[in-house]
């Protein structure tokens, strides 16, 4: 059953992404639900997702501007940015290779590259992308690499970790998210945290 479900779920998510749900303004629930601002070119690379280029200043500690609310619930509390990361100029779907995804979730085998990937043993479907600082459900504040992050577990059991990359109010998609759907009962939250942490380490500093 699992061997049939993994490709089916991956295909469904990939189809959703094809229709624009991978644009980087996504409600964080573990699944892409909405899209705005940003599209893919014919070559498959991510086009600009911000109103202006990301700040090029060197990383500054302890920035505490609150994220803006854009129609859905934004995480409560101040945002700490110790290491500001770029939010454009790279392909968010290529940040993690299938081998890195498999290692992050402790899987024996990875799948195909892209924003949506699957693994076997354990069977998971993972999704990662640049996103809005929004979520549905309750977010648990954590910290990754000195930056504010949030762990969100939705009603279906999927888990998302969202790391703030910048507090620049002009950047439309200031966070990187990693979501995990576990198909065989494994806890998806440690997997999502591992994925988000590994991706955060690879994203270039602003």
C-alpha atoms as a PDB file:
ATOM      1  CA  UNK A   1       0.000   0.000   0.000  1.00  0.00           C
ATOM      2  CA  UNK A   2       2.752   2.460   0.930  1.00  0.00           C
ATOM      3  CA  UNK A   3       4.628   1.923  -2.303  1.00  0.00           C
ATOM      4  CA  UNK A   4       1.515   2.984  -4.193  1.00  0.00           C
ATOM      5  CA  UNK A   5       0.661   5.904  -1.902  1.00  0.00           C
ATOM      6  CA  UNK A   6       4.027   7.660  -2.027  1.00  0.00           C
ATOM      7  CA  UNK A   7       4.002   8.320  -5.802  1.00  0.00           C
ATOM      8  CA  UNK A   8       0.296   9.214  -5.649  1.00  0.00           C
ATOM      9  CA  UNK A   9       0.786  11.840  -2.947  1.00  0.00           C
ATOM     10  CA  UNK A  10       3.901  13.147  -4.621  1.00  0.00           C
ATOM     11  CA  UNK A  11       2.089  13.433  -7.948  1.00  0.00           C
ATOM     12  CA  UNK A  12      -0.809  15.271  -6.323  1.00  0.00           C
ATOM     13  CA  UNK A  13       1.479  17.785  -4.645  1.00  0.00           C
ATOM     14  CA  UNK A  14       3.558  18.175  -7.783  1.00  0.00           C
ATOM     15  CA  UNK A  15       0.404  18.832  -9.800  1.00  0.00           C
ATOM     16  CA  UNK A  16      -0.633  21.501  -7.310  1.00  0.00           C
ATOM     17  CA  UNK A  17       2.790  23.105  -7.564  1.00  0.00           C
ATOM     18  CA  UNK A  18       2.554  23.063 -11.362  1.00  0.00           C
ATOM     19  CA  UNK A  19      -0.594  25.175 -11.143  1.00  0.00           C
ATOM     20  CA  UNK A  20       1.226  27.853  -9.182  1.00  0.00           C
ATOM     21  CA  UNK A  21       0.848  26.716  -5.604  1.00  0.00           C
ATOM     22  CA  UNK A  22       4.603  26.672  -5.252  1.00  0.00           C
ATOM     23  CA  UNK A  23       4.677  30.441  -5.584  1.00  0.00           C
ATOM     24  CA  UNK A  24       6.181  31.625  -2.405  1.00  0.00           C
ATOM     25  CA  UNK A  25       3.186  33.049  -0.538  1.00  0.00           C
ATOM     26  CA  UNK A  26       1.933  29.868   1.047  1.00  0.00           C
ATOM     27  CA  UNK A  27      -0.124  29.350   4.172  1.00  0.00           C
ATOM     28  CA  UNK A  28       1.899  27.090   6.424  1.00  0.00           C
ATOM     29  CA  UNK A  29      -0.101  23.973   7.179  1.00  0.00           C
ATOM     30  CA  UNK A  30       2.197  21.310   5.770  1.00  0.00           C
ATOM     31  CA  UNK A  31       0.510  21.555   2.359  1.00  0.00           C
ATOM     32  CA  UNK A  32       0.565  24.327  -0.265  1.00  0.00           C
ATOM     33  CA  UNK A  33      -2.849  26.027  -0.039  1.00  0.00           C
ATOM     34  CA  UNK A  34      -2.556  29.452  -1.609  1.00  0.00           C
ATOM     35  CA  UNK A  35      -0.222  31.379  -3.876  1.00  0.00           C
ATOM     36  CA  UNK A  36       0.686  34.946  -4.658  1.00  0.00           C
ATOM     37  CA  UNK A  37       3.610  36.955  -5.982  1.00  0.00           C
ATOM     38  CA  UNK A  38       6.204  34.911  -7.788  1.00  0.00           C
ATOM     39  CA  UNK A  39       6.155  32.472 -10.684  1.00  0.00           C
ATOM     40  CA  UNK A  40       8.411  30.055 -12.438  1.00  0.00           C
ATOM     41  CA  UNK A  41      10.009  30.851 -15.745  1.00  0.00           C
ATOM     42  CA  UNK A  42       9.956  28.410 -18.621  1.00  0.00           C
ATOM     43  CA  UNK A  43      13.396  27.245 -17.575  1.00  0.00           C
ATOM     44  CA  UNK A  44      11.981  26.242 -14.169  1.00  0.00           C
ATOM     45  CA  UNK A  45      13.905  28.791 -12.129  1.00  0.00           C
ATOM     46  CA  UNK A  46      12.180  30.896  -9.500  1.00  0.00           C
ATOM     47  CA  UNK A  47      11.557  34.487 -10.536  1.00  0.00           C
ATOM     48  CA  UNK A  48      11.775  37.387  -8.108  1.00  0.00           C
ATOM     49  CA  UNK A  49       9.460  37.084  -5.119  1.00  0.00           C
ATOM     50  CA  UNK A  50      10.033  40.432  -3.456  1.00  0.00           C
ATOM     51  CA  UNK A  51       9.181  44.033  -4.187  1.00  0.00           C
ATOM     52  CA  UNK A  52      12.842  44.951  -3.959  1.00  0.00           C
ATOM     53  CA  UNK A  53      16.108  43.012  -3.753  1.00  0.00           C
ATOM     54  CA  UNK A  54      16.951  41.570  -0.372  1.00  0.00           C
ATOM     55  CA  UNK A  55      19.104  43.684   1.859  1.00  0.00           C
ATOM     56  CA  UNK A  56      22.811  43.240   1.275  1.00  0.00           C
ATOM     57  CA  UNK A  57      23.867  44.477   4.708  1.00  0.00           C
ATOM     58  CA  UNK A  58      25.956  42.178   6.838  1.00  0.00           C
ATOM     59  CA  UNK A  59      24.157  40.018   9.367  1.00  0.00           C
ATOM     60  CA  UNK A  60      22.971  41.879  12.427  1.00  0.00           C
ATOM     61  CA  UNK A  61      21.994  40.314  15.766  1.00  0.00           C
ATOM     62  CA  UNK A  62      18.722  40.608  17.632  1.00  0.00           C
ATOM     63  CA  UNK A  63      16.485  42.356  15.124  1.00  0.00           C
ATOM     64  CA  UNK A  64      12.993  42.423  16.602  1.00  0.00           C
ATOM     65  CA  UNK A  65      10.451  43.628  14.059  1.00  0.00           C
ATOM     66  CA  UNK A  66       7.131  41.748  14.167  1.00  0.00           C
ATOM     67  CA  UNK A  67       6.083  39.931  10.966  1.00  0.00           C
ATOM     68  CA  UNK A  68       3.227  41.541   9.073  1.00  0.00           C
ATOM     69  CA  UNK A  69      -0.162  39.853   8.913  1.00  0.00           C
ATOM     70  CA  UNK A  70      -1.463  39.448   5.361  1.00  0.00           C
ATOM     71  CA  UNK A  71      -4.932  38.003   5.825  1.00  0.00           C
ATOM     72  CA  UNK A  72      -4.125  34.899   7.859  1.00  0.00           C
ATOM     73  CA  UNK A  73      -2.650  34.387  11.297  1.00  0.00           C
ATOM     74  CA  UNK A  74       0.942  35.507  11.681  1.00  0.00           C
ATOM     75  CA  UNK A  75       3.079  34.000  14.441  1.00  0.00           C
ATOM     76  CA  UNK A  76       2.886  35.904  17.704  1.00  0.00           C
ATOM     77  CA  UNK A  77       5.881  37.556  19.324  1.00  0.00           C
ATOM     78  CA  UNK A  78       8.939  39.400  18.123  1.00  0.00           C
ATOM     79  CA  UNK A  79      11.155  38.041  15.381  1.00  0.00           C
ATOM     80  CA  UNK A  80      14.849  37.588  16.086  1.00  0.00           C
ATOM     81  CA  UNK A  81      17.211  37.653  13.110  1.00  0.00           C
ATOM     82  CA  UNK A  82      20.809  36.840  13.987  1.00  0.00           C
ATOM     83  CA  UNK A  83      21.800  35.730  10.471  1.00  0.00           C
ATOM     84  CA  UNK A  84      19.918  37.367   7.622  1.00  0.00           C
ATOM     85  CA  UNK A  85      19.515  35.103   4.609  1.00  0.00           C
ATOM     86  CA  UNK A  86      18.770  35.840   0.963  1.00  0.00           C
ATOM     87  CA  UNK A  87      15.182  35.405  -0.216  1.00  0.00           C
ATOM     88  CA  UNK A  88      15.936  35.459  -3.950  1.00  0.00           C
ATOM     89  CA  UNK A  89      18.706  34.739  -6.415  1.00  0.00           C
ATOM     90  CA  UNK A  90      18.578  30.958  -5.938  1.00  0.00           C
ATOM     91  CA  UNK A  91      16.195  28.107  -6.685  1.00  0.00           C
ATOM     92  CA  UNK A  92      14.462  27.134  -3.452  1.00  0.00           C
ATOM     93  CA  UNK A  93      13.532  23.780  -5.007  1.00  0.00           C
ATOM     94  CA  UNK A  94      17.216  22.911  -5.401  1.00  0.00           C
ATOM     95  CA  UNK A  95      18.348  23.835  -1.897  1.00  0.00           C
ATOM     96  CA  UNK A  96      18.206  20.189  -0.795  1.00  0.00           C
ATOM     97  CA  UNK A  97      19.088  17.204  -2.957  1.00  0.00           C
ATOM     98  CA  UNK A  98      17.234  13.870  -2.674  1.00  0.00           C
ATOM     99  CA  UNK A  99      20.235  12.465  -0.816  1.00  0.00           C
ATOM    100  CA  UNK A 100      20.139  15.335   1.691  1.00  0.00           C
ATOM    101  CA  UNK A 101      16.388  14.948   2.134  1.00  0.00           C
ATOM    102  CA  UNK A 102      16.741  11.220   2.766  1.00  0.00           C
ATOM    103  CA  UNK A 103      19.505  11.839   5.309  1.00  0.00           C
ATOM    104  CA  UNK A 104      17.498  14.543   7.075  1.00  0.00           C
ATOM    105  CA  UNK A 105      14.466  12.296   7.590  1.00  0.00           C
ATOM    106  CA  UNK A 106      16.534   9.187   8.261  1.00  0.00           C
ATOM    107  CA  UNK A 107      15.270   7.389   5.171  1.00  0.00           C
ATOM    108  CA  UNK A 108      16.892   4.484   3.378  1.00  0.00           C
ATOM    109  CA  UNK A 109      16.016   5.853  -0.058  1.00  0.00           C
ATOM    110  CA  UNK A 110      15.234   9.268  -1.534  1.00  0.00           C
ATOM    111  CA  UNK A 111      13.145  10.237  -4.525  1.00  0.00           C
ATOM    112  CA  UNK A 112      13.382  12.737  -7.351  1.00  0.00           C
ATOM    113  CA  UNK A 113      14.727  16.302  -6.929  1.00  0.00           C
ATOM    114  CA  UNK A 114      12.379  19.256  -6.542  1.00  0.00           C
ATOM    115  CA  UNK A 115      10.280  21.162  -4.010  1.00  0.00           C
ATOM    116  CA  UNK A 116       8.218  17.996  -3.469  1.00  0.00           C
ATOM    117  CA  UNK A 117      10.133  14.823  -2.733  1.00  0.00           C
ATOM    118  CA  UNK A 118       9.339  11.409  -1.294  1.00  0.00           C
ATOM    119  CA  UNK A 119      11.358   8.920   0.715  1.00  0.00           C
ATOM    120  CA  UNK A 120      11.101   5.245   1.535  1.00  0.00           C
ATOM    121  CA  UNK A 121      11.736   3.588   4.895  1.00  0.00           C
ATOM    122  CA  UNK A 122      10.310   5.692   6.415  1.00  0.00           C
ATOM    123  CA  UNK A 123       7.718   6.615   3.808  1.00  0.00           C
ATOM    124  CA  UNK A 124       7.333  10.392   3.737  1.00  0.00           C
ATOM    125  CA  UNK A 125       6.377  13.194   1.385  1.00  0.00           C
ATOM    126  CA  UNK A 126       8.272  16.430   1.983  1.00  0.00           C
ATOM    127  CA  UNK A 127       7.703  19.928   0.687  1.00  0.00           C
ATOM    128  CA  UNK A 128       9.996  22.928   1.032  1.00  0.00           C
ATOM    129  CA  UNK A 129       9.841  26.465  -0.348  1.00  0.00           C
ATOM    130  CA  UNK A 130      10.050  30.165   0.417  1.00  0.00           C
ATOM    131  CA  UNK A 131       6.860  31.324   2.088  1.00  0.00           C
ATOM    132  CA  UNK A 132       4.930  34.007   3.937  1.00  0.00           C
ATOM    133  CA  UNK A 133       5.246  34.284   7.701  1.00  0.00           C
ATOM    134  CA  UNK A 134       1.728  32.896   8.179  1.00  0.00           C
ATOM    135  CA  UNK A 135       0.183  29.699   9.433  1.00  0.00           C
ATOM    136  CA  UNK A 136      -3.041  27.949  10.367  1.00  0.00           C
ATOM    137  CA  UNK A 137      -3.173  26.363  13.780  1.00  0.00           C
ATOM    138  CA  UNK A 138      -0.921  27.004  16.737  1.00  0.00           C
ATOM    139  CA  UNK A 139       2.755  27.714  16.110  1.00  0.00           C
ATOM    140  CA  UNK A 140       5.376  26.721  18.673  1.00  0.00           C
ATOM    141  CA  UNK A 141       8.221  29.279  18.663  1.00  0.00           C
ATOM    142  CA  UNK A 142      11.693  27.743  18.367  1.00  0.00           C
ATOM    143  CA  UNK A 143      15.055  29.005  17.118  1.00  0.00           C
ATOM    144  CA  UNK A 144      17.200  27.754  14.252  1.00  0.00           C
ATOM    145  CA  UNK A 145      20.643  29.186  13.525  1.00  0.00           C
ATOM    146  CA  UNK A 146      19.946  32.133  15.802  1.00  0.00           C
ATOM    147  CA  UNK A 147      16.775  33.073  13.912  1.00  0.00           C
ATOM    148  CA  UNK A 148      13.179  32.832  15.060  1.00  0.00           C
ATOM    149  CA  UNK A 149      11.415  29.752  13.712  1.00  0.00           C
ATOM    150  CA  UNK A 150       8.019  28.127  14.235  1.00  0.00           C
ATOM    151  CA  UNK A 151       6.855  24.533  14.415  1.00  0.00           C
ATOM    152  CA  UNK A 152       3.275  23.972  13.267  1.00  0.00           C
ATOM    153  CA  UNK A 153       1.497  20.604  13.419  1.00  0.00           C
ATOM    154  CA  UNK A 154      -1.839  20.508  11.625  1.00  0.00           C
ATOM    155  CA  UNK A 155      -4.916  18.397  12.272  1.00  0.00           C
ATOM    156  CA  UNK A 156      -3.892  15.729   9.788  1.00  0.00           C
ATOM    157  CA  UNK A 157      -0.611  15.115  11.596  1.00  0.00           C
ATOM    158  CA  UNK A 158       1.640  16.838   9.061  1.00  0.00           C
ATOM    159  CA  UNK A 159       4.363  19.019  10.545  1.00  0.00           C
ATOM    160  CA  UNK A 160       5.920  22.238   9.239  1.00  0.00           C
ATOM    161  CA  UNK A 161       8.974  24.137  10.437  1.00  0.00           C
ATOM    162  CA  UNK A 162       9.231  27.714   9.190  1.00  0.00           C
ATOM    163  CA  UNK A 163      12.449  29.714   9.679  1.00  0.00           C
ATOM    164  CA  UNK A 164      12.480  33.486   9.323  1.00  0.00           C
ATOM    165  CA  UNK A 165      15.180  34.578   6.857  1.00  0.00           C
ATOM    166  CA  UNK A 166      14.738  38.338   7.149  1.00  0.00           C
ATOM    167  CA  UNK A 167      12.658  40.988   8.919  1.00  0.00           C
ATOM    168  CA  UNK A 168      12.637  43.317   5.899  1.00  0.00           C
ATOM    169  CA  UNK A 169       8.987  44.459   5.584  1.00  0.00           C
ATOM    170  CA  UNK A 170       9.297  44.819   1.792  1.00  0.00           C
ATOM    171  CA  UNK A 171      10.139  41.147   1.238  1.00  0.00           C
ATOM    172  CA  UNK A 172       6.978  39.205   0.340  1.00  0.00           C
ATOM    173  CA  UNK A 173       8.264  35.758   1.306  1.00  0.00           C
ATOM    174  CA  UNK A 174      10.584  36.179   4.295  1.00  0.00           C
ATOM    175  CA  UNK A 175      10.657  32.582   5.556  1.00  0.00           C
ATOM    176  CA  UNK A 176      11.771  29.129   4.463  1.00  0.00           C
ATOM    177  CA  UNK A 177       9.464  26.251   5.282  1.00  0.00           C
ATOM    178  CA  UNK A 178       9.876  22.494   5.327  1.00  0.00           C
ATOM    179  CA  UNK A 179       6.781  20.295   5.681  1.00  0.00           C
ATOM    180  CA  UNK A 180       6.665  16.552   6.214  1.00  0.00           C
ATOM    181  CA  UNK A 181       3.795  14.096   5.766  1.00  0.00           C
ATOM    182  CA  UNK A 182       4.662  10.789   7.418  1.00  0.00           C
ATOM    183  CA  UNK A 183       2.859   7.837   5.852  1.00  0.00           C
ATOM    184  CA  UNK A 184       3.849   5.141   8.320  1.00  0.00           C
ATOM    185  CA  UNK A 185       3.395   6.764  11.720  1.00  0.00           C
ATOM    186  CA  UNK A 186       6.841   8.257  12.274  1.00  0.00           C
ATOM    187  CA  UNK A 187       6.921  11.649  14.040  1.00  0.00           C
ATOM    188  CA  UNK A 188       7.215  14.241  11.227  1.00  0.00           C
ATOM    189  CA  UNK A 189       8.306  17.181  13.410  1.00  0.00           C
ATOM    190  CA  UNK A 190      11.934  16.109  14.021  1.00  0.00           C
ATOM    191  CA  UNK A 191      12.171  15.378  10.287  1.00  0.00           C
ATOM    192  CA  UNK A 192      10.818  18.815   9.375  1.00  0.00           C
ATOM    193  CA  UNK A 193      13.241  20.461  11.798  1.00  0.00           C
ATOM    194  CA  UNK A 194      16.188  18.561  10.321  1.00  0.00           C
ATOM    195  CA  UNK A 195      15.144  19.532   6.788  1.00  0.00           C
ATOM    196  CA  UNK A 196      14.635  23.198   7.646  1.00  0.00           C
ATOM    197  CA  UNK A 197      17.925  23.383   9.558  1.00  0.00           C
ATOM    198  CA  UNK A 198      19.910  21.805   6.727  1.00  0.00           C
ATOM    199  CA  UNK A 199      18.296  24.119   4.181  1.00  0.00           C
ATOM    200  CA  UNK A 200      18.919  27.172   6.360  1.00  0.00           C
ATOM    201  CA  UNK A 201      22.625  26.297   6.501  1.00  0.00           C
ATOM    202  CA  UNK A 202      22.791  26.145   2.685  1.00  0.00           C
ATOM    203  CA  UNK A 203      20.845  29.328   1.897  1.00  0.00           C
ATOM    204  CA  UNK A 204      23.304  32.171   1.166  1.00  0.00           C
ATOM    205  CA  UNK A 205      23.661  34.929   3.746  1.00  0.00           C
ATOM    206  CA  UNK A 206      22.245  38.305   2.720  1.00  0.00           C
END
